[in-house]
């Protein structure tokens, strides 16, 4: 009975894409961590005042969201603005 020999070329061909994937994942993770750590924003928090929820701090103000039309549903007739507190009901 003869032995079947596997070539080392097929093994290395499968390892190189794996190494490339791991290296690129590490590079992207490092870039994300660096970006977040270097941002100049305070950590925002939500403050509940009765039925109204207000975002305090953070990078984006409520006025900027209103200017962009975020929090308002323009496609449906009679729809009101949505606040984060409405989502927990």
C-alpha atoms as a PDB file:
ATOM      1  CA  UNK A   1       0.000   0.000   0.000  1.00  0.00           C
ATOM      2  CA  UNK A   2       1.325   3.344  -0.923  1.00  0.00           C
ATOM      3  CA  UNK A   3       1.047   6.524   1.026  1.00  0.00           C
ATOM      4  CA  UNK A   4      -0.680   9.502  -0.419  1.00  0.00           C
ATOM      5  CA  UNK A   5       1.450  12.562  -0.208  1.00  0.00           C
ATOM      6  CA  UNK A   6      -0.128  15.991   0.093  1.00  0.00           C
ATOM      7  CA  UNK A   7       1.756  18.914  -1.254  1.00  0.00           C
ATOM      8  CA  UNK A   8       2.663  21.777   1.043  1.00  0.00           C
ATOM      9  CA  UNK A   9       1.621  24.238  -1.659  1.00  0.00           C
ATOM     10  CA  UNK A  10      -2.078  23.634  -1.096  1.00  0.00           C
ATOM     11  CA  UNK A  11      -1.707  24.198   2.642  1.00  0.00           C
ATOM     12  CA  UNK A  12       0.053  27.530   2.246  1.00  0.00           C
ATOM     13  CA  UNK A  13      -2.474  28.654  -0.345  1.00  0.00           C
ATOM     14  CA  UNK A  14      -5.225  28.395   2.295  1.00  0.00           C
ATOM     15  CA  UNK A  15      -3.195  30.044   5.053  1.00  0.00           C
ATOM     16  CA  UNK A  16      -2.276  33.243   3.199  1.00  0.00           C
ATOM     17  CA  UNK A  17      -5.880  34.496   2.752  1.00  0.00           C
ATOM     18  CA  UNK A  18      -6.545  33.704   6.407  1.00  0.00           C
ATOM     19  CA  UNK A  19      -3.540  35.733   7.528  1.00  0.00           C
ATOM     20  CA  UNK A  20      -4.507  38.598   5.210  1.00  0.00           C
ATOM     21  CA  UNK A  21      -8.038  38.614   6.654  1.00  0.00           C
ATOM     22  CA  UNK A  22      -6.806  38.659  10.243  1.00  0.00           C
ATOM     23  CA  UNK A  23      -4.306  41.452   9.543  1.00  0.00           C
ATOM     24  CA  UNK A  24      -6.921  43.599   7.789  1.00  0.00           C
ATOM     25  CA  UNK A  25      -9.425  43.030  10.636  1.00  0.00           C
ATOM     26  CA  UNK A  26      -6.825  44.103  13.188  1.00  0.00           C
ATOM     27  CA  UNK A  27      -5.965  47.207  11.149  1.00  0.00           C
ATOM     28  CA  UNK A  28      -9.619  48.235  10.842  1.00  0.00           C
ATOM     29  CA  UNK A  29     -10.208  47.626  14.554  1.00  0.00           C
ATOM     30  CA  UNK A  30      -7.207  49.759  15.419  1.00  0.00           C
ATOM     31  CA  UNK A  31      -8.434  52.557  13.148  1.00  0.00           C
ATOM     32  CA  UNK A  32     -11.883  52.479  14.786  1.00  0.00           C
ATOM     33  CA  UNK A  33     -10.454  52.565  18.311  1.00  0.00           C
ATOM     34  CA  UNK A  34      -8.150  55.456  17.391  1.00  0.00           C
ATOM     35  CA  UNK A  35     -11.001  57.420  15.816  1.00  0.00           C
ATOM     36  CA  UNK A  36     -13.250  57.054  18.849  1.00  0.00           C
ATOM     37  CA  UNK A  37     -10.492  57.828  21.340  1.00  0.00           C
ATOM     38  CA  UNK A  38      -9.484  60.995  19.469  1.00  0.00           C
ATOM     39  CA  UNK A  39     -12.996  62.398  19.026  1.00  0.00           C
ATOM     40  CA  UNK A  40     -13.623  65.666  20.819  1.00  0.00           C
ATOM     41  CA  UNK A  41     -17.139  64.821  21.987  1.00  0.00           C
ATOM     42  CA  UNK A  42     -18.486  64.457  25.479  1.00  0.00           C
ATOM     43  CA  UNK A  43     -20.403  61.323  26.227  1.00  0.00           C
ATOM     44  CA  UNK A  44     -24.067  62.206  25.815  1.00  0.00           C
ATOM     45  CA  UNK A  45     -26.772  61.143  28.218  1.00  0.00           C
ATOM     46  CA  UNK A  46     -30.550  61.211  28.162  1.00  0.00           C
ATOM     47  CA  UNK A  47     -32.370  63.198  30.849  1.00  0.00           C
ATOM     48  CA  UNK A  48     -36.047  62.495  31.438  1.00  0.00           C
ATOM     49  CA  UNK A  49     -38.166  65.476  32.482  1.00  0.00           C
ATOM     50  CA  UNK A  50     -41.723  64.284  32.922  1.00  0.00           C
ATOM     51  CA  UNK A  51     -42.709  62.807  29.563  1.00  0.00           C
ATOM     52  CA  UNK A  52     -39.969  64.534  27.595  1.00  0.00           C
ATOM     53  CA  UNK A  53     -36.538  62.983  27.029  1.00  0.00           C
ATOM     54  CA  UNK A  54     -33.652  65.336  26.221  1.00  0.00           C
ATOM     55  CA  UNK A  55     -30.162  64.471  25.015  1.00  0.00           C
ATOM     56  CA  UNK A  56     -27.539  66.357  27.043  1.00  0.00           C
ATOM     57  CA  UNK A  57     -23.971  66.442  25.744  1.00  0.00           C
ATOM     58  CA  UNK A  58     -22.610  64.466  22.809  1.00  0.00           C
ATOM     59  CA  UNK A  59     -21.542  65.605  19.349  1.00  0.00           C
ATOM     60  CA  UNK A  60     -24.943  66.315  17.831  1.00  0.00           C
ATOM     61  CA  UNK A  61     -27.450  68.849  19.101  1.00  0.00           C
ATOM     62  CA  UNK A  62     -31.202  68.569  18.797  1.00  0.00           C
ATOM     63  CA  UNK A  63     -31.235  71.596  16.500  1.00  0.00           C
ATOM     64  CA  UNK A  64     -28.918  69.828  14.061  1.00  0.00           C
ATOM     65  CA  UNK A  65     -31.209  66.787  14.060  1.00  0.00           C
ATOM     66  CA  UNK A  66     -34.276  68.951  13.391  1.00  0.00           C
ATOM     67  CA  UNK A  67     -32.477  70.711  10.519  1.00  0.00           C
ATOM     68  CA  UNK A  68     -31.672  67.339   8.976  1.00  0.00           C
ATOM     69  CA  UNK A  69     -35.292  66.211   9.398  1.00  0.00           C
ATOM     70  CA  UNK A  70     -34.369  63.359  11.733  1.00  0.00           C
ATOM     71  CA  UNK A  71     -37.073  62.457  14.205  1.00  0.00           C
ATOM     72  CA  UNK A  72     -39.871  63.556  11.898  1.00  0.00           C
ATOM     73  CA  UNK A  73     -41.753  61.306   9.496  1.00  0.00           C
ATOM     74  CA  UNK A  74     -42.560  63.421   6.452  1.00  0.00           C
ATOM     75  CA  UNK A  75     -43.887  60.506   4.375  1.00  0.00           C
ATOM     76  CA  UNK A  76     -46.928  59.729   6.550  1.00  0.00           C
ATOM     77  CA  UNK A  77     -49.694  62.249   6.973  1.00  0.00           C
ATOM     78  CA  UNK A  78     -50.472  63.279  10.536  1.00  0.00           C
ATOM     79  CA  UNK A  79     -47.256  61.783  11.961  1.00  0.00           C
ATOM     80  CA  UNK A  80     -45.626  63.550  14.882  1.00  0.00           C
ATOM     81  CA  UNK A  81     -41.952  63.843  15.786  1.00  0.00           C
ATOM     82  CA  UNK A  82     -40.473  60.801  17.470  1.00  0.00           C
ATOM     83  CA  UNK A  83     -38.447  61.019  20.653  1.00  0.00           C
ATOM     84  CA  UNK A  84     -36.330  58.269  22.266  1.00  0.00           C
ATOM     85  CA  UNK A  85     -38.780  58.079  25.159  1.00  0.00           C
ATOM     86  CA  UNK A  86     -41.569  57.051  22.769  1.00  0.00           C
ATOM     87  CA  UNK A  87     -39.665  53.932  21.770  1.00  0.00           C
ATOM     88  CA  UNK A  88     -39.783  52.367  25.254  1.00  0.00           C
ATOM     89  CA  UNK A  89     -43.555  52.144  25.495  1.00  0.00           C
END
